[in-house]
């Protein structure tokens, strides 16, 4: 991703997204999430990053930062992702790229935009069906940075933006309007659907005390999990990827 020239920056607030190469689940294990979180918290001081929140999912992450210089953000993300890639390749005895791209970033141009972005990120594990409340998810800035306190989130963000406005003398920055379509921050909402599908499948297998191979052989149980996934608005295409069963076969199960 090309760097944003300092003269072209209309804000110092950014929403950063990283994603596993080929949408691989590079943070699937809890210890992997711990390692990436450790990198974020360790290097934010070195590169003078003010960390406003983050969320580490199974195959992507969200980070919101305030930076004085865009170069600081680039150096911070390079260090974090490089260190994690070294850890990941060594742990899983692999070589090559770990992340899809260097990273993606979106400028945040108003307090309203900042609030919406933070809410979107904090709702990621809830939308994915991993938990029912933000405060239940361990790898989330809502828990680690704000002690699951919504009032503290708003207070911290407003204070941060006020400090920025005082420094820049930009009294109009808080009134900048933005297009609501930008609220789908990650370019591929299917990532969340895949996570939901994976989580629901694992929960069902555990509940029924069977493995995936036996599930695929049991027509009634297979029909049941397909019904559960459809109720979660999971497409047959996403089910096909997880269950390794053709879409037409899955559709027929629902009409029998």
Foldseek 3Di string as FASTA:
>chain_A
DDFDDPVRAPFQKKKKKWFWAVNAQLCQDVVLLVLLLCLLVVCCVVLVWAWLKKADDRTMIITMIGDPDSVSVLVSLQRSLVVSQVVSCVVVVHDDDTINDSIDMDHQQALVSVVLLLVLRLCLCCLLVVDVASCVDDSICCCVVVVVDPVSSSVVSVVVVVVVCVVVVPPCRNVDDDDPVCSVPDPDCVSSLLSSLVVLVVVLCVVVVHDLVVCVVDLVSVLVSLVVSVVSVRQLVSVCVVNVDDSVVSVVSPVD
